[in-house]
Amino acid sequence: MARRSIAGVWTLLIVFVGYAASALPIHAATVTLNPVADTFVSSANAGNSYGAAGSFEVSAAGLPKGEFESLLQFDLSSAKTSFDSTFGVGDWTVQSASLQLTAAAPVNSLFNASAAGTLDFSWMQNDTWVEGSGTPMAPGNNGITWNTLSNYLSAGDQSLGAFSFNGATSGNVNFSLSLPTGFLSDVESGNTNSSIRLFAGDTNVSGLFNSENFTTVASRPMLSITAAPLAIPEPASWVLGLIGIAALALNRRRRNDRSHGVRRRG
């Protein structure tokens, strides 16, 4: 009988601990996003746009096929909606962000051979660029080009980091982004068109990556944003009280058992 009573108290304690766990806040949540637009521009083909291409390149100046820069744009509204739903409207802060790219082999003669080096990423203040509908096989002129790129760059652009690239031609490459104020503001406001610029950080680097138009969704660029609550509240007082009551009841039962000569096993 005593053993059953003790078992019952243990059961209550486990249930109370379960209630406590369910009352604890979520410490962090992550949202992943694919680009809504991306493109590359080429110094060797300065008047062409390539927004419908299945890949984009970043290459240093002075390479045989010219210098390449790429632009990606993300709709951050779903990230804000998700974080507001999880933590409360505005009751969260961005902890980290990363960009995953999938490297590809440059089989088209338009591109430079891949080579190791440094890639620079920056947050763009101006999001009004248009990707256009051109491809390497059929270049267009209805989107941003090398000739017009400078119109979208400004002193307000902010660095997202400089990253070492090993020259891979396959597989995922992950870049942990810094969190400048402009990018954070875009996330917190749920900006529908937040832009990232990718460009060479040295005179050697060249990399080709799958774009938002690539046929395999899992191999498209992916921006991951992790947020956490502004403050982690203590567990509700009633939960702590229940745990305390259960612990006291168990302790009292054990003392009673010992005073009556009840031996417990295990």
C-alpha atoms as a PDB file:
ATOM      1  CA  MET A   1       0.000   0.000   0.000  1.00  0.00           C
ATOM      2  CA  ALA A   2       2.819   2.395   0.929  1.00  0.00           C
ATOM      3  CA  ARG A   3       4.629   1.634  -2.309  1.00  0.00           C
ATOM      4  CA  ARG A   4       1.468   2.437  -4.295  1.00  0.00           C
ATOM      5  CA  SER A   5       1.111   5.741  -2.436  1.00  0.00           C
ATOM      6  CA  ILE A   6       4.703   6.685  -3.155  1.00  0.00           C
ATOM      7  CA  ALA A   7       4.253   5.691  -6.791  1.00  0.00           C
ATOM      8  CA  GLY A   8       1.198   7.912  -6.942  1.00  0.00           C
ATOM      9  CA  VAL A   9       3.112  10.869  -5.578  1.00  0.00           C
ATOM     10  CA  TRP A  10       5.872  10.260  -8.109  1.00  0.00           C
ATOM     11  CA  THR A  11       3.252  10.230 -10.856  1.00  0.00           C
ATOM     12  CA  LEU A  12       1.855  13.555  -9.644  1.00  0.00           C
ATOM     13  CA  LEU A  13       5.345  15.023  -9.531  1.00  0.00           C
ATOM     14  CA  ILE A  14       6.038  13.926 -13.116  1.00  0.00           C
ATOM     15  CA  VAL A  15       2.732  15.413 -14.253  1.00  0.00           C
ATOM     16  CA  PHE A  16       3.539  18.697 -12.526  1.00  0.00           C
ATOM     17  CA  VAL A  17       6.982  18.801 -14.101  1.00  0.00           C
ATOM     18  CA  GLY A  18       5.290  18.242 -17.451  1.00  0.00           C
ATOM     19  CA  TYR A  19       3.020  21.195 -16.812  1.00  0.00           C
ATOM     20  CA  ALA A  20       6.056  23.288 -15.917  1.00  0.00           C
ATOM     21  CA  ALA A  21       7.837  22.321 -19.120  1.00  0.00           C
ATOM     22  CA  SER A  22       4.802  23.253 -21.197  1.00  0.00           C
ATOM     23  CA  ALA A  23       4.614  26.608 -19.467  1.00  0.00           C
ATOM     24  CA  LEU A  24       8.223  27.500 -20.269  1.00  0.00           C
ATOM     25  CA  PRO A  25       8.749  29.862 -23.226  1.00  0.00           C
ATOM     26  CA  ILE A  26      10.333  28.879 -26.539  1.00  0.00           C
ATOM     27  CA  HIS A  27      13.936  30.045 -26.380  1.00  0.00           C
ATOM     28  CA  ALA A  28      14.553  30.408 -30.131  1.00  0.00           C
ATOM     29  CA  ALA A  29      12.886  29.882 -33.507  1.00  0.00           C
ATOM     30  CA  THR A  30      14.299  29.755 -37.043  1.00  0.00           C
ATOM     31  CA  VAL A  31      12.700  30.753 -40.343  1.00  0.00           C
ATOM     32  CA  THR A  32      14.196  29.783 -43.729  1.00  0.00           C
ATOM     33  CA  LEU A  33      13.551  31.687 -46.949  1.00  0.00           C
ATOM     34  CA  ASN A  34      14.406  31.332 -50.630  1.00  0.00           C
ATOM     35  CA  PRO A  35      15.010  34.458 -52.730  1.00  0.00           C
ATOM     36  CA  VAL A  36      12.113  36.107 -54.542  1.00  0.00           C
ATOM     37  CA  ALA A  37      14.609  37.471 -57.083  1.00  0.00           C
ATOM     38  CA  ASP A  38      18.277  37.063 -57.964  1.00  0.00           C
ATOM     39  CA  THR A  39      20.600  37.848 -60.847  1.00  0.00           C
ATOM     40  CA  PHE A  40      24.208  38.439 -61.823  1.00  0.00           C
ATOM     41  CA  VAL A  41      25.945  41.140 -63.826  1.00  0.00           C
ATOM     42  CA  SER A  42      29.110  40.791 -65.915  1.00  0.00           C
ATOM     43  CA  SER A  43      31.720  43.403 -66.821  1.00  0.00           C
ATOM     44  CA  ALA A  44      32.431  41.547 -70.074  1.00  0.00           C
ATOM     45  CA  ASN A  45      28.753  41.751 -71.028  1.00  0.00           C
ATOM     46  CA  ALA A  46      28.000  45.097 -69.468  1.00  0.00           C
ATOM     47  CA  GLY A  47      24.647  45.760 -71.143  1.00  0.00           C
ATOM     48  CA  ASN A  48      23.076  42.350 -70.515  1.00  0.00           C
ATOM     49  CA  SER A  49      20.805  41.138 -67.709  1.00  0.00           C
ATOM     50  CA  TYR A  50      20.471  37.520 -66.555  1.00  0.00           C
ATOM     51  CA  GLY A  51      17.634  37.371 -64.028  1.00  0.00           C
ATOM     52  CA  ALA A  52      16.149  34.113 -65.345  1.00  0.00           C
ATOM     53  CA  ALA A  53      19.418  32.161 -65.235  1.00  0.00           C
ATOM     54  CA  GLY A  54      19.630  28.939 -63.239  1.00  0.00           C
ATOM     55  CA  SER A  55      22.831  30.104 -61.558  1.00  0.00           C
ATOM     56  CA  PHE A  56      24.770  33.222 -60.645  1.00  0.00           C
ATOM     57  CA  GLU A  57      28.473  33.956 -60.375  1.00  0.00           C
ATOM     58  CA  VAL A  58      30.833  36.032 -58.273  1.00  0.00           C
ATOM     59  CA  SER A  59      34.262  36.593 -59.850  1.00  0.00           C
ATOM     60  CA  ALA A  60      37.181  38.916 -59.268  1.00  0.00           C
ATOM     61  CA  ALA A  61      38.235  41.642 -61.674  1.00  0.00           C
ATOM     62  CA  GLY A  62      40.936  40.697 -64.170  1.00  0.00           C
ATOM     63  CA  LEU A  63      39.807  37.096 -64.725  1.00  0.00           C
ATOM     64  CA  PRO A  64      39.498  35.858 -68.339  1.00  0.00           C
ATOM     65  CA  LYS A  65      35.678  36.123 -68.539  1.00  0.00           C
ATOM     66  CA  GLY A  66      35.471  39.401 -66.668  1.00  0.00           C
ATOM     67  CA  GLU A  67      34.238  40.460 -63.230  1.00  0.00           C
ATOM     68  CA  PHE A  68      30.889  39.187 -61.912  1.00  0.00           C
ATOM     69  CA  GLU A  69      28.653  40.408 -59.092  1.00  0.00           C
ATOM     70  CA  SER A  70      25.340  38.935 -57.955  1.00  0.00           C
ATOM     71  CA  LEU A  71      22.257  40.265 -56.180  1.00  0.00           C
ATOM     72  CA  LEU A  72      19.663  38.377 -54.135  1.00  0.00           C
ATOM     73  CA  GLN A  73      16.375  39.713 -52.797  1.00  0.00           C
ATOM     74  CA  PHE A  74      14.273  38.214 -49.980  1.00  0.00           C
ATOM     75  CA  ASP A  75      10.727  38.790 -48.768  1.00  0.00           C
ATOM     76  CA  LEU A  76      11.076  38.968 -44.973  1.00  0.00           C
ATOM     77  CA  SER A  77       7.385  39.472 -44.189  1.00  0.00           C
ATOM     78  CA  SER A  78       6.775  35.799 -43.385  1.00  0.00           C
ATOM     79  CA  ALA A  79       9.721  35.815 -40.949  1.00  0.00           C
ATOM     80  CA  LYS A  80       8.232  38.740 -39.011  1.00  0.00           C
ATOM     81  CA  THR A  81       4.794  37.083 -38.999  1.00  0.00           C
ATOM     82  CA  SER A  82       6.260  33.825 -37.699  1.00  0.00           C
ATOM     83  CA  PHE A  83       8.318  35.474 -34.941  1.00  0.00           C
ATOM     84  CA  ASP A  84       5.387  37.695 -33.886  1.00  0.00           C
ATOM     85  CA  SER A  85       3.197  34.601 -33.637  1.00  0.00           C
ATOM     86  CA  THR A  86       5.794  32.658 -31.631  1.00  0.00           C
ATOM     87  CA  PHE A  87       7.005  35.343 -29.219  1.00  0.00           C
ATOM     88  CA  GLY A  88       4.433  38.136 -29.379  1.00  0.00           C
ATOM     89  CA  VAL A  89       4.327  41.177 -31.645  1.00  0.00           C
ATOM     90  CA  GLY A  90       7.702  42.917 -31.407  1.00  0.00           C
ATOM     91  CA  ASP A  91       8.724  40.829 -28.388  1.00  0.00           C
ATOM     92  CA  TRP A  92      11.708  39.204 -30.111  1.00  0.00           C
ATOM     93  CA  THR A  93      15.206  39.949 -31.306  1.00  0.00           C
ATOM     94  CA  VAL A  94      17.297  38.468 -34.125  1.00  0.00           C
ATOM     95  CA  GLN A  95      20.051  36.208 -32.807  1.00  0.00           C
ATOM     96  CA  SER A  96      21.722  35.076 -36.028  1.00  0.00           C
ATOM     97  CA  ALA A  97      21.378  34.791 -39.786  1.00  0.00           C
ATOM     98  CA  SER A  98      23.091  32.616 -42.361  1.00  0.00           C
ATOM     99  CA  LEU A  99      23.036  32.210 -46.122  1.00  0.00           C
ATOM    100  CA  GLN A 100      23.358  28.761 -47.679  1.00  0.00           C
ATOM    101  CA  LEU A 101      24.443  28.517 -51.308  1.00  0.00           C
ATOM    102  CA  THR A 102      24.900  25.419 -53.449  1.00  0.00           C
ATOM    103  CA  ALA A 103      28.030  25.502 -55.592  1.00  0.00           C
ATOM    104  CA  ALA A 104      27.834  24.498 -59.246  1.00  0.00           C
ATOM    105  CA  ALA A 105      30.293  23.693 -62.017  1.00  0.00           C
ATOM    106  CA  PRO A 106      30.709  26.524 -64.580  1.00  0.00           C
ATOM    107  CA  VAL A 107      29.942  24.575 -67.743  1.00  0.00           C
ATOM    108  CA  ASN A 108      28.751  27.594 -69.754  1.00  0.00           C
ATOM    109  CA  SER A 109      31.520  29.465 -71.589  1.00  0.00           C
ATOM    110  CA  LEU A 110      30.174  32.738 -70.163  1.00  0.00           C
ATOM    111  CA  PHE A 111      31.589  31.947 -66.706  1.00  0.00           C
ATOM    112  CA  ASN A 112      35.052  31.895 -65.172  1.00  0.00           C
ATOM    113  CA  ALA A 113      36.505  28.696 -63.739  1.00  0.00           C
ATOM    114  CA  SER A 114      35.880  28.349 -60.000  1.00  0.00           C
ATOM    115  CA  ALA A 115      38.743  29.384 -57.726  1.00  0.00           C
ATOM    116  CA  ALA A 116      39.279  29.796 -53.986  1.00  0.00           C
ATOM    117  CA  GLY A 117      39.344  33.210 -52.384  1.00  0.00           C
ATOM    118  CA  THR A 118      37.279  35.704 -50.425  1.00  0.00           C
ATOM    119  CA  LEU A 119      33.634  36.575 -51.028  1.00  0.00           C
ATOM    120  CA  ASP A 120      32.152  39.797 -49.672  1.00  0.00           C
ATOM    121  CA  PHE A 121      28.449  40.177 -48.870  1.00  0.00           C
ATOM    122  CA  SER A 122      26.657  43.443 -48.164  1.00  0.00           C
ATOM    123  CA  TRP A 123      23.147  44.581 -47.276  1.00  0.00           C
ATOM    124  CA  MET A 124      21.830  47.014 -49.878  1.00  0.00           C
ATOM    125  CA  GLN A 125      19.940  50.149 -48.907  1.00  0.00           C
ATOM    126  CA  ASN A 126      18.385  50.401 -52.379  1.00  0.00           C
ATOM    127  CA  ASP A 127      16.021  47.525 -53.206  1.00  0.00           C
ATOM    128  CA  THR A 128      14.513  48.904 -56.412  1.00  0.00           C
ATOM    129  CA  TRP A 129      16.601  46.850 -58.857  1.00  0.00           C
ATOM    130  CA  VAL A 130      14.816  44.420 -61.190  1.00  0.00           C
ATOM    131  CA  GLU A 131      16.265  41.009 -62.033  1.00  0.00           C
ATOM    132  CA  GLY A 132      15.091  40.900 -65.662  1.00  0.00           C
ATOM    133  CA  SER A 133      14.334  37.862 -67.791  1.00  0.00           C
ATOM    134  CA  GLY A 134      17.622  37.119 -69.545  1.00  0.00           C
ATOM    135  CA  THR A 135      19.655  33.903 -69.454  1.00  0.00           C
ATOM    136  CA  PRO A 136      23.221  33.046 -70.514  1.00  0.00           C
ATOM    137  CA  MET A 137      21.809  31.572 -73.742  1.00  0.00           C
ATOM    138  CA  ALA A 138      19.436  34.497 -74.325  1.00  0.00           C
ATOM    139  CA  PRO A 139      20.627  37.627 -72.506  1.00  0.00           C
ATOM    140  CA  GLY A 140      18.094  40.350 -71.798  1.00  0.00           C
ATOM    141  CA  ASN A 141      18.187  44.088 -71.278  1.00  0.00           C
ATOM    142  CA  ASN A 142      15.078  44.544 -69.102  1.00  0.00           C
ATOM    143  CA  GLY A 143      16.824  44.126 -65.764  1.00  0.00           C
ATOM    144  CA  ILE A 144      19.837  45.373 -63.842  1.00  0.00           C
ATOM    145  CA  THR A 145      23.112  45.201 -65.784  1.00  0.00           C
ATOM    146  CA  TRP A 146      26.778  45.896 -65.089  1.00  0.00           C
ATOM    147  CA  ASN A 147      26.269  49.357 -66.577  1.00  0.00           C
ATOM    148  CA  THR A 148      23.392  50.181 -64.220  1.00  0.00           C
ATOM    149  CA  LEU A 149      24.638  48.413 -61.061  1.00  0.00           C
ATOM    150  CA  SER A 150      26.273  51.560 -59.687  1.00  0.00           C
ATOM    151  CA  ASN A 151      22.875  53.286 -59.646  1.00  0.00           C
ATOM    152  CA  TYR A 152      21.774  50.918 -56.866  1.00  0.00           C
ATOM    153  CA  LEU A 153      24.880  51.096 -54.674  1.00  0.00           C
ATOM    154  CA  SER A 154      25.133  53.694 -51.941  1.00  0.00           C
ATOM    155  CA  ALA A 155      27.167  54.816 -48.953  1.00  0.00           C
ATOM    156  CA  GLY A 156      24.371  53.411 -46.786  1.00  0.00           C
ATOM    157  CA  ASP A 157      25.110  49.826 -47.807  1.00  0.00           C
ATOM    158  CA  GLN A 158      26.397  47.743 -44.874  1.00  0.00           C
ATOM    159  CA  SER A 159      28.738  44.751 -44.713  1.00  0.00           C
ATOM    160  CA  LEU A 160      27.311  41.313 -43.944  1.00  0.00           C
ATOM    161  CA  GLY A 161      30.800  39.836 -43.757  1.00  0.00           C
ATOM    162  CA  ALA A 162      33.812  38.617 -45.713  1.00  0.00           C
ATOM    163  CA  PHE A 163      33.992  34.847 -46.193  1.00  0.00           C
ATOM    164  CA  SER A 164      36.519  32.284 -47.302  1.00  0.00           C
ATOM    165  CA  PHE A 165      35.383  30.221 -50.302  1.00  0.00           C
ATOM    166  CA  ASN A 166      37.270  27.045 -51.218  1.00  0.00           C
ATOM    167  CA  GLY A 167      36.454  27.061 -54.920  1.00  0.00           C
ATOM    168  CA  ALA A 168      33.937  24.192 -54.688  1.00  0.00           C
ATOM    169  CA  THR A 169      31.897  23.219 -57.735  1.00  0.00           C
ATOM    170  CA  SER A 170      29.283  21.183 -55.839  1.00  0.00           C
ATOM    171  CA  GLY A 171      27.750  20.897 -52.385  1.00  0.00           C
ATOM    172  CA  ASN A 172      26.353  23.389 -49.911  1.00  0.00           C
ATOM    173  CA  VAL A 173      28.381  26.320 -48.635  1.00  0.00           C
ATOM    174  CA  ASN A 174      27.176  28.130 -45.501  1.00  0.00           C
ATOM    175  CA  PHE A 175      27.977  31.701 -44.571  1.00  0.00           C
ATOM    176  CA  SER A 176      27.215  33.078 -41.102  1.00  0.00           C
ATOM    177  CA  LEU A 177      26.164  36.690 -41.653  1.00  0.00           C
ATOM    178  CA  SER A 178      26.855  39.661 -39.440  1.00  0.00           C
ATOM    179  CA  LEU A 179      23.823  41.678 -38.333  1.00  0.00           C
ATOM    180  CA  PRO A 180      24.133  45.334 -39.390  1.00  0.00           C
ATOM    181  CA  THR A 181      21.402  47.749 -38.402  1.00  0.00           C
ATOM    182  CA  GLY A 182      19.944  47.983 -41.899  1.00  0.00           C
ATOM    183  CA  PHE A 183      19.446  44.250 -42.222  1.00  0.00           C
ATOM    184  CA  LEU A 184      18.015  44.015 -38.699  1.00  0.00           C
ATOM    185  CA  SER A 185      15.566  46.794 -39.501  1.00  0.00           C
ATOM    186  CA  ASP A 186      14.426  44.897 -42.598  1.00  0.00           C
ATOM    187  CA  VAL A 187      13.768  41.749 -40.561  1.00  0.00           C
ATOM    188  CA  GLU A 188      12.004  43.568 -37.732  1.00  0.00           C
ATOM    189  CA  SER A 189       9.753  45.468 -40.125  1.00  0.00           C
ATOM    190  CA  GLY A 190       9.127  42.478 -42.390  1.00  0.00           C
ATOM    191  CA  ASN A 191      10.503  44.224 -45.486  1.00  0.00           C
ATOM    192  CA  THR A 192       9.184  42.522 -48.606  1.00  0.00           C
ATOM    193  CA  ASN A 193      12.321  43.166 -50.652  1.00  0.00           C
ATOM    194  CA  SER A 194      15.553  43.059 -48.665  1.00  0.00           C
ATOM    195  CA  SER A 195      18.633  42.814 -50.886  1.00  0.00           C
ATOM    196  CA  ILE A 196      22.070  41.205 -50.519  1.00  0.00           C
ATOM    197  CA  ARG A 197      24.990  41.908 -52.855  1.00  0.00           C
ATOM    198  CA  LEU A 198      27.720  39.305 -53.445  1.00  0.00           C
ATOM    199  CA  PHE A 199      31.057  40.441 -54.864  1.00  0.00           C
ATOM    200  CA  ALA A 200      34.729  39.489 -54.934  1.00  0.00           C
ATOM    201  CA  GLY A 201      36.877  40.265 -51.903  1.00  0.00           C
ATOM    202  CA  ASP A 202      40.217  39.620 -53.624  1.00  0.00           C
ATOM    203  CA  THR A 203      41.769  39.245 -57.067  1.00  0.00           C
ATOM    204  CA  ASN A 204      41.455  35.451 -57.300  1.00  0.00           C
ATOM    205  CA  VAL A 205      38.017  34.250 -56.210  1.00  0.00           C
ATOM    206  CA  SER A 206      35.392  32.877 -58.559  1.00  0.00           C
ATOM    207  CA  GLY A 207      32.310  30.870 -57.636  1.00  0.00           C
ATOM    208  CA  LEU A 208      29.165  29.745 -59.407  1.00  0.00           C
ATOM    209  CA  PHE A 209      26.017  28.973 -57.370  1.00  0.00           C
ATOM    210  CA  ASN A 210      22.500  27.742 -58.083  1.00  0.00           C
ATOM    211  CA  SER A 211      19.866  30.465 -58.262  1.00  0.00           C
ATOM    212  CA  GLU A 212      16.193  30.749 -57.302  1.00  0.00           C
ATOM    213  CA  ASN A 213      15.369  29.390 -60.780  1.00  0.00           C
ATOM    214  CA  PHE A 214      17.253  26.133 -60.247  1.00  0.00           C
ATOM    215  CA  THR A 215      14.991  23.124 -60.762  1.00  0.00           C
ATOM    216  CA  THR A 216      15.757  21.466 -57.399  1.00  0.00           C
ATOM    217  CA  VAL A 217      14.200  23.601 -54.657  1.00  0.00           C
ATOM    218  CA  ALA A 218      16.509  22.246 -51.945  1.00  0.00           C
ATOM    219  CA  SER A 219      19.535  23.486 -53.906  1.00  0.00           C
ATOM    220  CA  ARG A 220      18.337  27.081 -54.217  1.00  0.00           C
ATOM    221  CA  PRO A 221      19.812  29.831 -52.025  1.00  0.00           C
ATOM    222  CA  MET A 222      18.404  29.742 -48.484  1.00  0.00           C
ATOM    223  CA  LEU A 223      18.465  32.512 -45.907  1.00  0.00           C
ATOM    224  CA  SER A 224      18.004  31.282 -42.319  1.00  0.00           C
ATOM    225  CA  ILE A 225      17.078  33.738 -39.563  1.00  0.00           C
ATOM    226  CA  THR A 226      16.965  32.771 -35.891  1.00  0.00           C
ATOM    227  CA  ALA A 227      15.165  34.918 -33.310  1.00  0.00           C
ATOM    228  CA  ALA A 228      14.599  34.686 -29.567  1.00  0.00           C
ATOM    229  CA  PRO A 229      12.308  36.453 -27.090  1.00  0.00           C
ATOM    230  CA  LEU A 230      13.489  39.810 -25.783  1.00  0.00           C
ATOM    231  CA  ALA A 231      13.363  38.382 -22.251  1.00  0.00           C
ATOM    232  CA  ILE A 232      12.809  34.840 -21.024  1.00  0.00           C
ATOM    233  CA  PRO A 233      10.204  35.043 -18.234  1.00  0.00           C
ATOM    234  CA  GLU A 234      10.299  32.834 -15.169  1.00  0.00           C
ATOM    235  CA  PRO A 235       7.902  29.852 -15.101  1.00  0.00           C
ATOM    236  CA  ALA A 236       4.428  30.740 -13.874  1.00  0.00           C
ATOM    237  CA  SER A 237       4.286  30.892 -10.073  1.00  0.00           C
ATOM    238  CA  TRP A 238       1.452  28.356  -9.905  1.00  0.00           C
ATOM    239  CA  VAL A 239       3.590  25.808 -11.732  1.00  0.00           C
ATOM    240  CA  LEU A 240       6.460  26.274  -9.295  1.00  0.00           C
ATOM    241  CA  GLY A 241       4.005  26.012  -6.430  1.00  0.00           C
ATOM    242  CA  LEU A 242       2.622  22.701  -7.665  1.00  0.00           C
ATOM    243  CA  ILE A 243       6.105  21.260  -8.048  1.00  0.00           C
ATOM    244  CA  GLY A 244       6.940  22.346  -4.515  1.00  0.00           C
ATOM    245  CA  ILE A 245       3.775  20.810  -3.074  1.00  0.00           C
ATOM    246  CA  ALA A 246       4.443  17.521  -4.855  1.00  0.00           C
ATOM    247  CA  ALA A 247       8.028  17.434  -3.594  1.00  0.00           C
ATOM    248  CA  LEU A 248       6.913  18.126   0.002  1.00  0.00           C
ATOM    249  CA  ALA A 249       4.255  15.409  -0.197  1.00  0.00           C
ATOM    250  CA  LEU A 250       6.806  12.899  -1.416  1.00  0.00           C
ATOM    251  CA  ASN A 251       9.251  13.834   1.322  1.00  0.00           C
ATOM    252  CA  ARG A 252       6.547  13.520   4.004  1.00  0.00           C
ATOM    253  CA  ARG A 253       5.447  10.120   2.679  1.00  0.00           C
ATOM    254  CA  ARG A 254       9.006   8.852   2.866  1.00  0.00           C
ATOM    255  CA  ARG A 255       9.391  10.019   6.481  1.00  0.00           C
ATOM    256  CA  ASN A 256       6.101   8.343   7.441  1.00  0.00           C
ATOM    257  CA  ASP A 257       7.188   5.110   5.796  1.00  0.00           C
ATOM    258  CA  ARG A 258      10.448   5.087   7.731  1.00  0.00           C
ATOM    259  CA  SER A 259       8.711   5.840  11.021  1.00  0.00           C
ATOM    260  CA  HIS A 260       6.394   2.859  10.491  1.00  0.00           C
ATOM    261  CA  GLY A 261       9.216   0.531   9.521  1.00  0.00           C
ATOM    262  CA  VAL A 262       8.288   0.340   5.812  1.00  0.00           C
ATOM    263  CA  ARG A 263      11.209  -0.799   3.706  1.00  0.00           C
ATOM    264  CA  ARG A 264      11.448   0.492   0.167  1.00  0.00           C
ATOM    265  CA  ARG A 265      13.257  -1.144  -2.668  1.00  0.00           C
ATOM    266  CA  GLY A 266      15.088   0.672  -5.446  1.00  0.00           C
END
